[in-house]
Amino acid sequence: MALQLVEFGGEPDRVHVLIDIHPALDISVLINNLKTASARRARNRFADHLRRSTGSHCFAAAPI
């Protein structure tokens, strides 16, 4: 197997993922795919809210 999900958890505003990945795989491609898929799901789930509040943009303040 090229990769295996070892552990998954998170907080209300983030997720934690531990993945065992084969050395031949490009981790940047994996991360890009995960981010793309999660952003698409978030946009689909909160589409009405995003249209009402900010148009097509979503902003979040980072803690300092």
Protein backbone atom coordinates (compact mmCIF):
# COMPACT_ATOMS: atom_id res chain seq x y z
CA MET A 1 0.00 0.00 0.00
CA ALA A 2 1.34 3.44 -0.92
CA LEU A 3 -0.12 5.19 2.10
CA GLN A 4 -2.07 4.33 5.20
CA LEU A 5 -4.08 6.49 7.56
CA VAL A 6 -2.61 5.75 10.99
CA GLU A 7 -4.51 8.22 13.16
CA PHE A 8 -7.10 10.95 12.67
CA GLY A 9 -8.40 13.51 15.13
CA GLY A 10 -8.82 17.19 15.57
CA GLU A 11 -10.19 20.30 17.17
CA PRO A 12 -13.24 22.37 16.18
CA ASP A 13 -11.06 24.48 13.88
CA ARG A 14 -8.45 21.98 12.61
CA VAL A 15 -7.69 18.35 11.96
CA HIS A 16 -4.71 16.20 12.86
CA VAL A 17 -3.75 13.40 10.49
CA LEU A 18 -0.96 10.87 10.87
CA ILE A 19 -0.23 9.11 7.59
CA ASP A 20 2.31 6.42 6.80
CA ILE A 21 3.44 7.25 3.26
CA HIS A 22 5.74 5.37 0.91
CA PRO A 23 9.02 7.26 0.34
CA ALA A 24 8.48 7.25 -3.43
CA LEU A 25 5.32 9.34 -3.10
CA ASP A 26 5.52 13.12 -3.23
CA ILE A 27 4.11 14.41 0.05
CA SER A 28 3.45 17.86 -1.43
CA VAL A 29 1.06 16.29 -3.96
CA LEU A 30 -0.72 14.43 -1.16
CA ILE A 31 -1.11 17.61 0.91
CA ASN A 32 -2.31 19.55 -2.13
CA ASN A 33 -4.94 16.88 -2.83
CA LEU A 34 -6.12 16.88 0.79
CA LYS A 35 -6.38 20.67 0.86
CA THR A 36 -8.21 20.78 -2.48
CA ALA A 37 -10.73 18.15 -1.40
CA SER A 38 -11.37 19.72 2.00
CA ALA A 39 -11.77 23.22 0.52
CA ARG A 40 -14.25 21.89 -2.04
CA ARG A 41 -16.29 20.17 0.67
CA ALA A 42 -16.29 23.31 2.83
CA ARG A 43 -17.39 25.48 -0.09
CA ASN A 44 -20.20 23.06 -0.94
CA ARG A 45 -21.36 22.70 2.65
CA PHE A 46 -21.31 26.43 3.44
CA ALA A 47 -22.13 27.82 -0.01
CA ASP A 48 -25.20 29.77 1.13
CA HIS A 49 -23.38 31.30 4.07
CA LEU A 50 -20.39 32.29 1.93
CA ARG A 51 -22.61 33.95 -0.68
CA ARG A 52 -24.46 35.94 1.99
CA SER A 53 -21.46 37.04 4.02
CA THR A 54 -18.44 37.60 1.80
CA GLY A 55 -19.28 36.83 -1.80
CA SER A 56 -16.82 34.22 -2.98
CA HIS A 57 -14.17 34.86 -0.31
CA CYS A 58 -13.75 33.40 3.14
CA PHE A 59 -11.46 34.99 5.72
CA ALA A 60 -10.28 33.73 9.09
CA ALA A 61 -8.27 35.57 11.71
CA ALA A 62 -5.22 33.71 12.96
CA PRO A 63 -4.39 33.91 16.66
CA ILE A 64 -1.31 35.94 17.49
